């Protein structure tokens, strides 16, 4: 069975590299990175890559909500799980953004929470 593919959209280099390494070392996943929403949208539109899940930061250039809107409208991506990984509390986020998505607040435990969530979602 091939590895599950996950798109990680995160503008903070340290968070991006740490999360990518952690997930690839502890799970049978391949992480593809986009440094911001613009890069993610370009990748999705240009290459039409297959993904099993997406992890999105919210507060970045062309924020995660824009990427999530694209994913939800695109036939190829409309059913894949979206995990918001953000420093914003659930109360600070627009309820519409969270509709149909998962939420993990950035913290010292968030890598473990994302791993647990991905394990459930990807089976």
PDB file of N, CA and C in Angstrom:
ATOM      1  N   UNK A   1       0.844  -1.188   0.000  1.00  0.00           N
ATOM      2  CA  UNK A   1       0.000   0.000   0.000  1.00  0.00           C
ATOM      3  C   UNK A   1       0.882   1.241   0.000  1.00  0.00           C
ATOM      4  N   UNK A   2       0.536   2.207  -0.815  1.00  0.00           N
ATOM      5  CA  UNK A   2       1.362   3.410  -0.902  1.00  0.00           C
ATOM      6  C   UNK A   2       1.072   4.355   0.257  1.00  0.00           C
ATOM      7  N   UNK A   3       2.019   5.237   0.469  1.00  0.00           N
ATOM      8  CA  UNK A   3       1.881   6.209   1.560  1.00  0.00           C
ATOM      9  C   UNK A   3       0.739   7.170   1.269  1.00  0.00           C
ATOM     10  N   UNK A   4       0.097   7.608   2.335  1.00  0.00           N
ATOM     11  CA  UNK A   4      -0.920   8.649   2.219  1.00  0.00           C
ATOM     12  C   UNK A   4      -0.196   9.975   1.989  1.00  0.00           C
ATOM     13  N   UNK A   5      -0.802  10.840   1.182  1.00  0.00           N
ATOM     14  CA  UNK A   5      -0.181  12.119   0.853  1.00  0.00           C
ATOM     15  C   UNK A   5      -0.941  13.255   1.524  1.00  0.00           C
ATOM     16  N   UNK A   6      -0.178  14.131   2.185  1.00  0.00           N
ATOM     17  CA  UNK A   6      -0.760  15.241   2.932  1.00  0.00           C
ATOM     18  C   UNK A   6      -0.105  16.539   2.470  1.00  0.00           C
ATOM     19  N   UNK A   7      -0.928  17.544   2.201  1.00  0.00           N
ATOM     20  CA  UNK A   7      -0.420  18.876   1.879  1.00  0.00           C
ATOM     21  C   UNK A   7      -0.384  19.682   3.167  1.00  0.00           C
ATOM     22  N   UNK A   8       0.785  20.229   3.478  1.00  0.00           N
ATOM     23  CA  UNK A   8       0.973  21.086   4.649  1.00  0.00           C
ATOM     24  C   UNK A   8       1.214  22.506   4.160  1.00  0.00           C
ATOM     25  N   UNK A   9       0.310  23.414   4.517  1.00  0.00           N
ATOM     26  CA  UNK A   9       0.418  24.821   4.124  1.00  0.00           C
ATOM     27  C   UNK A   9       0.690  25.623   5.390  1.00  0.00           C
ATOM     28  N   UNK A  10       1.934  26.097   5.527  1.00  0.00           N
ATOM     29  CA  UNK A  10       2.380  26.761   6.758  1.00  0.00           C
ATOM     30  C   UNK A  10       3.467  27.764   6.407  1.00  0.00           C
ATOM     31  N   UNK A  11       3.312  29.014   6.846  1.00  0.00           N
ATOM     32  CA  UNK A  11       4.294  30.046   6.494  1.00  0.00           C
ATOM     33  C   UNK A  11       5.469  30.130   7.464  1.00  0.00           C
ATOM     34  N   UNK A  12       5.351  29.537   8.637  1.00  0.00           N
ATOM     35  CA  UNK A  12       6.450  29.568   9.599  1.00  0.00           C
ATOM     36  C   UNK A  12       7.396  28.391   9.305  1.00  0.00           C
ATOM     37  N   UNK A  13       8.611  28.697   8.879  1.00  0.00           N
ATOM     38  CA  UNK A  13       9.559  27.664   8.445  1.00  0.00           C
ATOM     39  C   UNK A  13       9.817  26.625   9.524  1.00  0.00           C
ATOM     40  N   UNK A  14      10.030  27.074  10.760  1.00  0.00           N
ATOM     41  CA  UNK A  14      10.324  26.136  11.854  1.00  0.00           C
ATOM     42  C   UNK A  14       9.158  25.183  12.108  1.00  0.00           C
ATOM     43  N   UNK A  15       7.959  25.724  12.165  1.00  0.00           N
ATOM     44  CA  UNK A  15       6.772  24.897  12.388  1.00  0.00           C
ATOM     45  C   UNK A  15       6.610  23.920  11.230  1.00  0.00           C
ATOM     46  N   UNK A  16       6.770  24.427  10.013  1.00  0.00           N
ATOM     47  CA  UNK A  16       6.619  23.611   8.797  1.00  0.00           C
ATOM     48  C   UNK A  16       7.598  22.432   8.799  1.00  0.00           C
ATOM     49  N   UNK A  17       8.863  22.707   9.047  1.00  0.00           N
ATOM     50  CA  UNK A  17       9.895  21.663   9.002  1.00  0.00           C
ATOM     51  C   UNK A  17       9.729  20.663  10.143  1.00  0.00           C
ATOM     52  N   UNK A  18       9.400  21.166  11.322  1.00  0.00           N
ATOM     53  CA  UNK A  18       9.232  20.297  12.482  1.00  0.00           C
ATOM     54  C   UNK A  18       8.029  19.363  12.292  1.00  0.00           C
ATOM     55  N   UNK A  19       6.920  19.916  11.832  1.00  0.00           N
ATOM     56  CA  UNK A  19       5.714  19.111  11.636  1.00  0.00           C
ATOM     57  C   UNK A  19       5.914  18.086  10.516  1.00  0.00           C
ATOM     58  N   UNK A  20       6.547  18.498   9.433  1.00  0.00           N
ATOM     59  CA  UNK A  20       6.824  17.582   8.321  1.00  0.00           C
ATOM     60  C   UNK A  20       7.683  16.409   8.797  1.00  0.00           C
ATOM     61  N   UNK A  21       8.780  16.714   9.459  1.00  0.00           N
ATOM     62  CA  UNK A  21       9.684  15.664   9.949  1.00  0.00           C
ATOM     63  C   UNK A  21       8.975  14.727  10.918  1.00  0.00           C
ATOM     64  N   UNK A  22       8.266  15.315  11.864  1.00  0.00           N
ATOM     65  CA  UNK A  22       7.571  14.516  12.873  1.00  0.00           C
ATOM     66  C   UNK A  22       6.563  13.563  12.230  1.00  0.00           C
ATOM     67  N   UNK A  23       5.723  14.072  11.346  1.00  0.00           N
ATOM     68  CA  UNK A  23       4.686  13.233  10.746  1.00  0.00           C
ATOM     69  C   UNK A  23       5.286  12.161   9.843  1.00  0.00           C
ATOM     70  N   UNK A  24       6.301  12.507   9.062  1.00  0.00           N
ATOM     71  CA  UNK A  24       6.913  11.513   8.176  1.00  0.00           C
ATOM     72  C   UNK A  24       7.671  10.436   8.954  1.00  0.00           C
ATOM     73  N   UNK A  25       8.219  10.802  10.103  1.00  0.00           N
ATOM     74  CA  UNK A  25       8.955   9.830  10.915  1.00  0.00           C
ATOM     75  C   UNK A  25       8.041   8.931  11.746  1.00  0.00           C
ATOM     76  N   UNK A  26       6.863   9.424  12.094  1.00  0.00           N
ATOM     77  CA  UNK A  26       6.007   8.666  13.002  1.00  0.00           C
ATOM     78  C   UNK A  26       4.781   8.049  12.320  1.00  0.00           C
ATOM     79  N   UNK A  27       4.564   8.383  11.058  1.00  0.00           N
ATOM     80  CA  UNK A  27       3.416   7.850  10.321  1.00  0.00           C
ATOM     81  C   UNK A  27       3.874   7.416   8.930  1.00  0.00           C
ATOM     82  N   UNK A  28       3.033   6.666   8.254  1.00  0.00           N
ATOM     83  CA  UNK A  28       3.332   6.266   6.884  1.00  0.00           C
ATOM     84  C   UNK A  28       2.696   7.279   5.927  1.00  0.00           C
ATOM     85  N   UNK A  29       3.240   8.515   5.967  1.00  0.00           N
ATOM     86  CA  UNK A  29       2.710   9.599   5.130  1.00  0.00           C
ATOM     87  C   UNK A  29       3.845  10.302   4.402  1.00  0.00           C
ATOM     88  N   UNK A  30       3.473  10.904   3.289  1.00  0.00           N
ATOM     89  CA  UNK A  30       4.373  11.782   2.551  1.00  0.00           C
ATOM     90  C   UNK A  30       3.797  13.190   2.659  1.00  0.00           C
ATOM     91  N   UNK A  31       4.613  14.119   3.145  1.00  0.00           N
ATOM     92  CA  UNK A  31       4.152  15.494   3.336  1.00  0.00           C
ATOM     93  C   UNK A  31       4.683  16.359   2.193  1.00  0.00           C
ATOM     94  N   UNK A  32       3.772  17.024   1.521  1.00  0.00           N
ATOM     95  CA  UNK A  32       4.151  18.007   0.493  1.00  0.00           C
ATOM     96  C   UNK A  32       3.906  19.382   1.098  1.00  0.00           C
ATOM     97  N   UNK A  33       4.848  20.292   0.883  1.00  0.00           N
ATOM     98  CA  UNK A  33       4.804  21.590   1.562  1.00  0.00           C
ATOM     99  C   UNK A  33       4.465  22.726   0.604  1.00  0.00           C
ATOM    100  N   UNK A  34       3.700  23.677   1.122  1.00  0.00           N
ATOM    101  CA  UNK A  34       3.500  24.976   0.480  1.00  0.00           C
ATOM    102  C   UNK A  34       3.750  26.017   1.561  1.00  0.00           C
ATOM    103  N   UNK A  35       4.516  27.051   1.214  1.00  0.00           N
ATOM    104  CA  UNK A  35       4.932  28.060   2.203  1.00  0.00           C
ATOM    105  C   UNK A  35       3.840  29.062   2.540  1.00  0.00           C
ATOM    106  N   UNK A  36       2.809  29.140   1.716  1.00  0.00           N
ATOM    107  CA  UNK A  36       1.681  30.033   1.980  1.00  0.00           C
ATOM    108  C   UNK A  36       0.523  29.640   1.077  1.00  0.00           C
ATOM    109  N   UNK A  37      -0.574  30.352   1.214  1.00  0.00           N
ATOM    110  CA  UNK A  37      -1.760  30.031   0.429  1.00  0.00           C
ATOM    111  C   UNK A  37      -1.565  30.207  -1.060  1.00  0.00           C
ATOM    112  N   UNK A  38      -0.785  31.217  -1.457  1.00  0.00           N
ATOM    113  CA  UNK A  38      -0.521  31.461  -2.874  1.00  0.00           C
ATOM    114  C   UNK A  38       0.204  30.258  -3.484  1.00  0.00           C
ATOM    115  N   UNK A  39       1.245  29.794  -2.802  1.00  0.00           N
ATOM    116  CA  UNK A  39       1.998  28.637  -3.290  1.00  0.00           C
ATOM    117  C   UNK A  39       1.116  27.388  -3.334  1.00  0.00           C
ATOM    118  N   UNK A  40       0.270  27.215  -2.330  1.00  0.00           N
ATOM    119  CA  UNK A  40      -0.636  26.061  -2.298  1.00  0.00           C
ATOM    120  C   UNK A  40      -1.603  26.097  -3.479  1.00  0.00           C
ATOM    121  N   UNK A  41      -2.207  27.251  -3.724  1.00  0.00           N
ATOM    122  CA  UNK A  41      -3.157  27.367  -4.836  1.00  0.00           C
ATOM    123  C   UNK A  41      -2.471  27.136  -6.174  1.00  0.00           C
ATOM    124  N   UNK A  42      -1.266  27.681  -6.341  1.00  0.00           N
ATOM    125  CA  UNK A  42      -0.518  27.457  -7.581  1.00  0.00           C
ATOM    126  C   UNK A  42      -0.246  25.970  -7.789  1.00  0.00           C
ATOM    127  N   UNK A  43       0.181  25.291  -6.743  1.00  0.00           N
ATOM    128  CA  UNK A  43       0.457  23.856  -6.806  1.00  0.00           C
ATOM    129  C   UNK A  43      -0.806  23.080  -7.175  1.00  0.00           C
ATOM    130  N   UNK A  44      -1.902  23.367  -6.494  1.00  0.00           N
ATOM    131  CA  UNK A  44      -3.153  22.641  -6.735  1.00  0.00           C
ATOM    132  C   UNK A  44      -3.679  22.872  -8.143  1.00  0.00           C
ATOM    133  N   UNK A  45      -3.612  24.102  -8.615  1.00  0.00           N
ATOM    134  CA  UNK A  45      -4.128  24.429  -9.957  1.00  0.00           C
ATOM    135  C   UNK A  45      -3.222  23.899 -11.065  1.00  0.00           C
ATOM    136  N   UNK A  46      -1.927  23.984 -10.858  1.00  0.00           N
ATOM    137  CA  UNK A  46      -0.953  23.628 -11.895  1.00  0.00           C
ATOM    138  C   UNK A  46      -0.788  22.114 -12.030  1.00  0.00           C
ATOM    139  N   UNK A  47      -0.614  21.445 -10.891  1.00  0.00           N
ATOM    140  CA  UNK A  47      -0.238  20.032 -10.936  1.00  0.00           C
ATOM    141  C   UNK A  47      -1.376  19.053 -10.666  1.00  0.00           C
ATOM    142  N   UNK A  48      -2.485  19.524 -10.099  1.00  0.00           N
ATOM    143  CA  UNK A  48      -3.585  18.640  -9.713  1.00  0.00           C
ATOM    144  C   UNK A  48      -3.119  17.412  -8.933  1.00  0.00           C
ATOM    145  N   UNK A  49      -2.236  17.591  -7.948  1.00  0.00           N
ATOM    146  CA  UNK A  49      -1.715  16.420  -7.229  1.00  0.00           C
ATOM    147  C   UNK A  49      -2.805  15.751  -6.394  1.00  0.00           C
ATOM    148  N   UNK A  50      -2.612  14.475  -6.148  1.00  0.00           N
ATOM    149  CA  UNK A  50      -3.530  13.722  -5.289  1.00  0.00           C
ATOM    150  C   UNK A  50      -3.126  13.938  -3.831  1.00  0.00           C
ATOM    151  N   UNK A  51      -4.090  14.251  -2.985  1.00  0.00           N
ATOM    152  CA  UNK A  51      -3.846  14.374  -1.553  1.00  0.00           C
ATOM    153  C   UNK A  51      -4.938  13.646  -0.800  1.00  0.00           C
ATOM    154  N   UNK A  52      -4.580  13.126   0.371  1.00  0.00           N
ATOM    155  CA  UNK A  52      -5.542  12.442   1.231  1.00  0.00           C
ATOM    156  C   UNK A  52      -6.023  13.334   2.363  1.00  0.00           C
ATOM    157  N   UNK A  53      -5.269  14.424   2.639  1.00  0.00           N
ATOM    158  CA  UNK A  53      -5.643  15.378   3.682  1.00  0.00           C
ATOM    159  C   UNK A  53      -4.823  16.654   3.479  1.00  0.00           C
ATOM    160  N   UNK A  54      -5.308  17.743   4.077  1.00  0.00           N
ATOM    161  CA  UNK A  54      -4.613  19.028   4.013  1.00  0.00           C
ATOM    162  C   UNK A  54      -4.551  19.613   5.415  1.00  0.00           C
ATOM    163  N   UNK A  55      -3.360  20.107   5.788  1.00  0.00           N
ATOM    164  CA  UNK A  55      -3.178  20.821   7.054  1.00  0.00           C
ATOM    165  C   UNK A  55      -2.919  22.277   6.684  1.00  0.00           C
ATOM    166  N   UNK A  56      -3.763  23.171   7.183  1.00  0.00           N
ATOM    167  CA  UNK A  56      -3.694  24.586   6.797  1.00  0.00           C
ATOM    168  C   UNK A  56      -3.495  25.504   7.985  1.00  0.00           C
ATOM    169  N   UNK A  57      -2.533  26.412   7.846  1.00  0.00           N
ATOM    170  CA  UNK A  57      -2.460  27.547   8.753  1.00  0.00           C
ATOM    171  C   UNK A  57      -3.548  28.512   8.290  1.00  0.00           C
ATOM    172  N   UNK A  58      -4.007  29.389   9.144  1.00  0.00           N
ATOM    173  CA  UNK A  58      -5.050  30.334   8.758  1.00  0.00           C
ATOM    174  C   UNK A  58      -4.470  31.711   8.478  1.00  0.00           C
ATOM    175  N   UNK A  59      -3.632  32.212   9.384  1.00  0.00           N
ATOM    176  CA  UNK A  59      -3.113  33.575   9.265  1.00  0.00           C
ATOM    177  C   UNK A  59      -1.799  33.596   8.483  1.00  0.00           C
ATOM    178  N   UNK A  60      -1.903  33.788   7.168  1.00  0.00           N
ATOM    179  CA  UNK A  60      -0.730  33.879   6.297  1.00  0.00           C
ATOM    180  C   UNK A  60      -1.165  34.547   5.004  1.00  0.00           C
ATOM    181  N   UNK A  61      -0.197  34.885   4.172  1.00  0.00           N
ATOM    182  CA  UNK A  61      -0.500  35.488   2.871  1.00  0.00           C
ATOM    183  C   UNK A  61      -1.434  34.542   2.121  1.00  0.00           C
ATOM    184  N   UNK A  62      -2.520  35.077   1.584  1.00  0.00           N
ATOM    185  CA  UNK A  62      -3.566  34.261   0.968  1.00  0.00           C
ATOM    186  C   UNK A  62      -3.919  33.156   1.941  1.00  0.00           C
ATOM    187  N   UNK A  63      -4.547  33.547   3.016  1.00  0.00           N
ATOM    188  CA  UNK A  63      -4.756  32.677   4.187  1.00  0.00           C
ATOM    189  C   UNK A  63      -5.454  31.364   3.864  1.00  0.00           C
ATOM    190  N   UNK A  64      -5.434  30.493   4.845  1.00  0.00           N
ATOM    191  CA  UNK A  64      -5.969  29.155   4.697  1.00  0.00           C
ATOM    192  C   UNK A  64      -7.424  29.093   4.275  1.00  0.00           C
ATOM    193  N   UNK A  65      -8.201  30.098   4.648  1.00  0.00           N
ATOM    194  CA  UNK A  65      -9.607  30.114   4.244  1.00  0.00           C
ATOM    195  C   UNK A  65      -9.754  30.139   2.733  1.00  0.00           C
ATOM    196  N   UNK A  66      -8.872  30.858   2.051  1.00  0.00           N
ATOM    197  CA  UNK A  66      -8.886  30.925   0.587  1.00  0.00           C
ATOM    198  C   UNK A  66      -8.573  29.560  -0.008  1.00  0.00           C
ATOM    199  N   UNK A  67      -7.585  28.875   0.552  1.00  0.00           N
ATOM    200  CA  UNK A  67      -7.225  27.538   0.090  1.00  0.00           C
ATOM    201  C   UNK A  67      -8.375  26.570   0.367  1.00  0.00           C
ATOM    202  N   UNK A  68      -8.950  26.650   1.556  1.00  0.00           N
ATOM    203  CA  UNK A  68     -10.068  25.767   1.914  1.00  0.00           C
ATOM    204  C   UNK A  68     -11.250  25.986   0.976  1.00  0.00           C
ATOM    205  N   UNK A  69     -11.547  27.237   0.630  1.00  0.00           N
ATOM    206  CA  UNK A  69     -12.640  27.523  -0.309  1.00  0.00           C
ATOM    207  C   UNK A  69     -12.376  26.846  -1.649  1.00  0.00           C
ATOM    208  N   UNK A  70     -11.138  26.940  -2.140  1.00  0.00           N
ATOM    209  CA  UNK A  70     -10.772  26.303  -3.401  1.00  0.00           C
ATOM    210  C   UNK A  70     -10.975  24.786  -3.301  1.00  0.00           C
ATOM    211  N   UNK A  71     -10.479  24.188  -2.223  1.00  0.00           N
ATOM    212  CA  UNK A  71     -10.584  22.742  -2.046  1.00  0.00           C
ATOM    213  C   UNK A  71     -12.046  22.295  -2.020  1.00  0.00           C
ATOM    214  N   UNK A  72     -12.874  23.032  -1.328  1.00  0.00           N
ATOM    215  CA  UNK A  72     -14.292  22.657  -1.191  1.00  0.00           C
ATOM    216  C   UNK A  72     -15.059  22.780  -2.502  1.00  0.00           C
ATOM    217  N   UNK A  73     -14.603  23.652  -3.395  1.00  0.00           N
ATOM    218  CA  UNK A  73     -15.292  23.844  -4.679  1.00  0.00           C
ATOM    219  C   UNK A  73     -14.769  22.917  -5.773  1.00  0.00           C
ATOM    220  N   UNK A  74     -13.564  22.389  -5.614  1.00  0.00           N
ATOM    221  CA  UNK A  74     -12.922  21.586  -6.654  1.00  0.00           C
ATOM    222  C   UNK A  74     -13.381  20.126  -6.536  1.00  0.00           C
ATOM    223  N   UNK A  75     -13.920  19.548  -7.608  1.00  0.00           N
ATOM    224  CA  UNK A  75     -14.429  18.166  -7.540  1.00  0.00           C
ATOM    225  C   UNK A  75     -13.396  17.151  -7.026  1.00  0.00           C
ATOM    226  N   UNK A  76     -12.149  17.329  -7.390  1.00  0.00           N
ATOM    227  CA  UNK A  76     -11.105  16.384  -6.978  1.00  0.00           C
ATOM    228  C   UNK A  76     -10.809  16.444  -5.480  1.00  0.00           C
ATOM    229  N   UNK A  77     -10.986  17.620  -4.868  1.00  0.00           N
ATOM    230  CA  UNK A  77     -10.572  17.820  -3.478  1.00  0.00           C
ATOM    231  C   UNK A  77     -11.719  18.004  -2.495  1.00  0.00           C
ATOM    232  N   UNK A  78     -12.940  18.098  -2.972  1.00  0.00           N
ATOM    233  CA  UNK A  78     -14.061  18.513  -2.114  1.00  0.00           C
ATOM    234  C   UNK A  78     -14.304  17.609  -0.905  1.00  0.00           C
ATOM    235  N   UNK A  79     -13.881  16.349  -0.985  1.00  0.00           N
ATOM    236  CA  UNK A  79     -14.148  15.429   0.116  1.00  0.00           C
ATOM    237  C   UNK A  79     -12.949  15.129   1.003  1.00  0.00           C
ATOM    238  N   UNK A  80     -11.792  15.746   0.729  1.00  0.00           N
ATOM    239  CA  UNK A  80     -10.637  15.421   1.563  1.00  0.00           C
ATOM    240  C   UNK A  80     -10.686  16.231   2.865  1.00  0.00           C
ATOM    241  N   UNK A  81     -10.212  15.638   3.945  1.00  0.00           N
ATOM    242  CA  UNK A  81     -10.241  16.323   5.236  1.00  0.00           C
ATOM    243  C   UNK A  81      -9.299  17.534   5.266  1.00  0.00           C
ATOM    244  N   UNK A  82      -9.783  18.599   5.869  1.00  0.00           N
ATOM    245  CA  UNK A  82      -8.993  19.814   6.084  1.00  0.00           C
ATOM    246  C   UNK A  82      -8.801  19.962   7.590  1.00  0.00           C
ATOM    247  N   UNK A  83      -7.538  20.114   7.992  1.00  0.00           N
ATOM    248  CA  UNK A  83      -7.217  20.352   9.396  1.00  0.00           C
ATOM    249  C   UNK A  83      -6.629  21.755   9.509  1.00  0.00           C
ATOM    250  N   UNK A  84      -7.303  22.631  10.240  1.00  0.00           N
ATOM    251  CA  UNK A  84      -6.740  23.952  10.505  1.00  0.00           C
ATOM    252  C   UNK A  84      -5.790  23.852  11.685  1.00  0.00           C
ATOM    253  N   UNK A  85      -4.564  24.294  11.481  1.00  0.00           N
ATOM    254  CA  UNK A  85      -3.546  24.322  12.537  1.00  0.00           C
ATOM    255  C   UNK A  85      -3.200  25.792  12.711  1.00  0.00           C
ATOM    256  N   UNK A  86      -3.699  26.402  13.756  1.00  0.00           N
ATOM    257  CA  UNK A  86      -3.599  27.856  13.873  1.00  0.00           C
ATOM    258  C   UNK A  86      -3.362  28.308  15.308  1.00  0.00           C
ATOM    259  N   UNK A  87      -2.791  29.486  15.422  1.00  0.00           N
ATOM    260  CA  UNK A  87      -2.595  30.104  16.723  1.00  0.00           C
ATOM    261  C   UNK A  87      -3.853  30.784  17.228  1.00  0.00           C
ATOM    262  N   UNK A  88      -4.854  30.908  16.365  1.00  0.00           N
ATOM    263  CA  UNK A  88      -6.112  31.531  16.763  1.00  0.00           C
ATOM    264  C   UNK A  88      -6.954  30.538  17.555  1.00  0.00           C
ATOM    265  N   UNK A  89      -7.669  31.053  18.533  1.00  0.00           N
ATOM    266  CA  UNK A  89      -8.583  30.187  19.277  1.00  0.00           C
ATOM    267  C   UNK A  89      -9.804  29.919  18.404  1.00  0.00           C
ATOM    268  N   UNK A  90     -10.528  28.896  18.752  1.00  0.00           N
ATOM    269  CA  UNK A  90     -11.734  28.530  18.005  1.00  0.00           C
ATOM    270  C   UNK A  90     -12.721  29.718  17.959  1.00  0.00           C
ATOM    271  N   UNK A  91     -12.792  30.467  19.051  1.00  0.00           N
ATOM    272  CA  UNK A  91     -13.709  31.611  19.128  1.00  0.00           C
ATOM    273  C   UNK A  91     -13.289  32.748  18.183  1.00  0.00           C
ATOM    274  N   UNK A  92     -12.001  32.851  17.881  1.00  0.00           N
ATOM    275  CA  UNK A  92     -11.514  33.919  17.005  1.00  0.00           C
ATOM    276  C   UNK A  92     -11.762  33.611  15.525  1.00  0.00           C
ATOM    277  N   UNK A  93     -12.042  32.373  15.214  1.00  0.00           N
ATOM    278  CA  UNK A  93     -12.247  31.981  13.825  1.00  0.00           C
ATOM    279  C   UNK A  93     -13.699  32.141  13.416  1.00  0.00           C
ATOM    280  N   UNK A  94     -13.898  32.539  12.186  1.00  0.00           N
ATOM    281  CA  UNK A  94     -15.230  32.619  11.611  1.00  0.00           C
ATOM    282  C   UNK A  94     -15.811  31.202  11.572  1.00  0.00           C
ATOM    283  N   UNK A  95     -17.004  31.032  12.083  1.00  0.00           N
ATOM    284  CA  UNK A  95     -17.623  29.706  12.120  1.00  0.00           C
ATOM    285  C   UNK A  95     -17.739  29.089  10.721  1.00  0.00           C
ATOM    286  N   UNK A  96     -17.885  29.927   9.710  1.00  0.00           N
ATOM    287  CA  UNK A  96     -17.996  29.441   8.327  1.00  0.00           C
ATOM    288  C   UNK A  96     -16.697  28.757   7.889  1.00  0.00           C
ATOM    289  N   UNK A  97     -15.550  29.288   8.326  1.00  0.00           N
ATOM    290  CA  UNK A  97     -14.255  28.689   7.983  1.00  0.00           C
ATOM    291  C   UNK A  97     -14.169  27.274   8.550  1.00  0.00           C
ATOM    292  N   UNK A  98     -14.656  27.096   9.768  1.00  0.00           N
ATOM    293  CA  UNK A  98     -14.546  25.803  10.446  1.00  0.00           C
ATOM    294  C   UNK A  98     -15.537  24.754   9.951  1.00  0.00           C
ATOM    295  N   UNK A  99     -16.556  25.177   9.211  1.00  0.00           N
ATOM    296  CA  UNK A  99     -17.568  24.235   8.731  1.00  0.00           C
ATOM    297  C   UNK A  99     -16.926  23.093   7.953  1.00  0.00           C
ATOM    298  N   UNK A 100     -17.168  21.880   8.397  1.00  0.00           N
ATOM    299  CA  UNK A 100     -16.667  20.713   7.685  1.00  0.00           C
ATOM    300  C   UNK A 100     -15.173  20.492   7.804  1.00  0.00           C
ATOM    301  N   UNK A 101     -14.503  21.244   8.678  1.00  0.00           N
ATOM    302  CA  UNK A 101     -13.052  21.109   8.841  1.00  0.00           C
ATOM    303  C   UNK A 101     -12.745  20.727  10.288  1.00  0.00           C
ATOM    304  N   UNK A 102     -11.524  20.323  10.508  1.00  0.00           N
ATOM    305  CA  UNK A 102     -11.048  19.991  11.854  1.00  0.00           C
ATOM    306  C   UNK A 102     -10.181  21.143  12.344  1.00  0.00           C
ATOM    307  N   UNK A 103     -10.027  21.240  13.656  1.00  0.00           N
ATOM    308  CA  UNK A 103      -9.324  22.376  14.244  1.00  0.00           C
ATOM    309  C   UNK A 103      -8.336  21.887  15.285  1.00  0.00           C
ATOM    310  N   UNK A 104      -7.080  22.352  15.150  1.00  0.00           N
ATOM    311  CA  UNK A 104      -6.051  22.086  16.162  1.00  0.00           C
ATOM    312  C   UNK A 104      -5.362  23.414  16.449  1.00  0.00           C
ATOM    313  N   UNK A 105      -5.440  23.857  17.706  1.00  0.00           N
ATOM    314  CA  UNK A 105      -4.772  25.099  18.088  1.00  0.00           C
ATOM    315  C   UNK A 105      -3.280  24.825  18.269  1.00  0.00           C
ATOM    316  N   UNK A 106      -2.441  25.724  17.749  1.00  0.00           N
ATOM    317  CA  UNK A 106      -0.995  25.555  17.879  1.00  0.00           C
ATOM    318  C   UNK A 106      -0.607  25.599  19.349  1.00  0.00           C
ATOM    319  N   UNK A 107       0.145  24.586  19.755  1.00  0.00           N
ATOM    320  CA  UNK A 107       0.615  24.485  21.138  1.00  0.00           C
ATOM    321  C   UNK A 107       1.760  23.486  21.160  1.00  0.00           C
ATOM    322  N   UNK A 108       2.299  23.241  22.338  1.00  0.00           N
ATOM    323  CA  UNK A 108       3.385  22.267  22.455  1.00  0.00           C
ATOM    324  C   UNK A 108       2.893  20.853  22.168  1.00  0.00           C
ATOM    325  N   UNK A 109       1.590  20.637  22.220  1.00  0.00           N
ATOM    326  CA  UNK A 109       1.012  19.307  21.981  1.00  0.00           C
ATOM    327  C   UNK A 109       0.377  19.160  20.604  1.00  0.00           C
ATOM    328  N   UNK A 110       0.395  20.216  19.791  1.00  0.00           N
ATOM    329  CA  UNK A 110      -0.380  20.169  18.546  1.00  0.00           C
ATOM    330  C   UNK A 110       0.122  19.135  17.542  1.00  0.00           C
ATOM    331  N   UNK A 111       1.439  18.863  17.511  1.00  0.00           N
ATOM    332  CA  UNK A 111       1.939  17.842  16.583  1.00  0.00           C
ATOM    333  C   UNK A 111       1.300  16.492  16.894  1.00  0.00           C
ATOM    334  N   UNK A 112       1.208  16.174  18.185  1.00  0.00           N
ATOM    335  CA  UNK A 112       0.618  14.904  18.602  1.00  0.00           C
ATOM    336  C   UNK A 112      -0.870  14.862  18.283  1.00  0.00           C
ATOM    337  N   UNK A 113      -1.540  15.999  18.465  1.00  0.00           N
ATOM    338  CA  UNK A 113      -2.969  16.060  18.164  1.00  0.00           C
ATOM    339  C   UNK A 113      -3.215  15.881  16.669  1.00  0.00           C
ATOM    340  N   UNK A 114      -2.363  16.494  15.847  1.00  0.00           N
ATOM    341  CA  UNK A 114      -2.503  16.343  14.398  1.00  0.00           C
ATOM    342  C   UNK A 114      -2.238  14.899  13.992  1.00  0.00           C
ATOM    343  N   UNK A 115      -1.218  14.300  14.574  1.00  0.00           N
ATOM    344  CA  UNK A 115      -0.912  12.899  14.265  1.00  0.00           C
ATOM    345  C   UNK A 115      -2.104  11.999  14.609  1.00  0.00           C
ATOM    346  N   UNK A 116      -2.666  12.196  15.781  1.00  0.00           N
ATOM    347  CA  UNK A 116      -3.816  11.397  16.216  1.00  0.00           C
ATOM    348  C   UNK A 116      -5.004  11.586  15.265  1.00  0.00           C
ATOM    349  N   UNK A 117      -5.261  12.837  14.904  1.00  0.00           N
ATOM    350  CA  UNK A 117      -6.366  13.154  13.999  1.00  0.00           C
ATOM    351  C   UNK A 117      -6.126  12.540  12.617  1.00  0.00           C
ATOM    352  N   UNK A 118      -4.925  12.703  12.084  1.00  0.00           N
ATOM    353  CA  UNK A 118      -4.602  12.114  10.776  1.00  0.00           C
ATOM    354  C   UNK A 118      -4.723  10.598  10.804  1.00  0.00           C
ATOM    355  N   UNK A 119      -4.283   9.986  11.874  1.00  0.00           N
ATOM    356  CA  UNK A 119      -4.378   8.515  11.997  1.00  0.00           C
ATOM    357  C   UNK A 119      -5.834   8.068  11.885  1.00  0.00           C
ATOM    358  N   UNK A 120      -6.716   8.784  12.545  1.00  0.00           N
ATOM    359  CA  UNK A 120      -8.148   8.451  12.469  1.00  0.00           C
ATOM    360  C   UNK A 120      -8.709   8.709  11.081  1.00  0.00           C
ATOM    361  N   UNK A 121      -8.373   9.869  10.512  1.00  0.00           N
ATOM    362  CA  UNK A 121      -8.936  10.264   9.229  1.00  0.00           C
ATOM    363  C   UNK A 121      -8.446   9.423   8.053  1.00  0.00           C
ATOM    364  N   UNK A 122      -7.173   9.036   8.114  1.00  0.00           N
ATOM    365  CA  UNK A 122      -6.571   8.313   6.995  1.00  0.00           C
ATOM    366  C   UNK A 122      -6.671   6.800   7.142  1.00  0.00           C
ATOM    367  N   UNK A 123      -7.129   6.365   8.317  1.00  0.00           N
ATOM    368  CA  UNK A 123      -7.331   4.945   8.560  1.00  0.00           C
ATOM    369  C   UNK A 123      -6.039   4.220   8.599  1.00  0.00           C
TER     370      UNK A 123
END
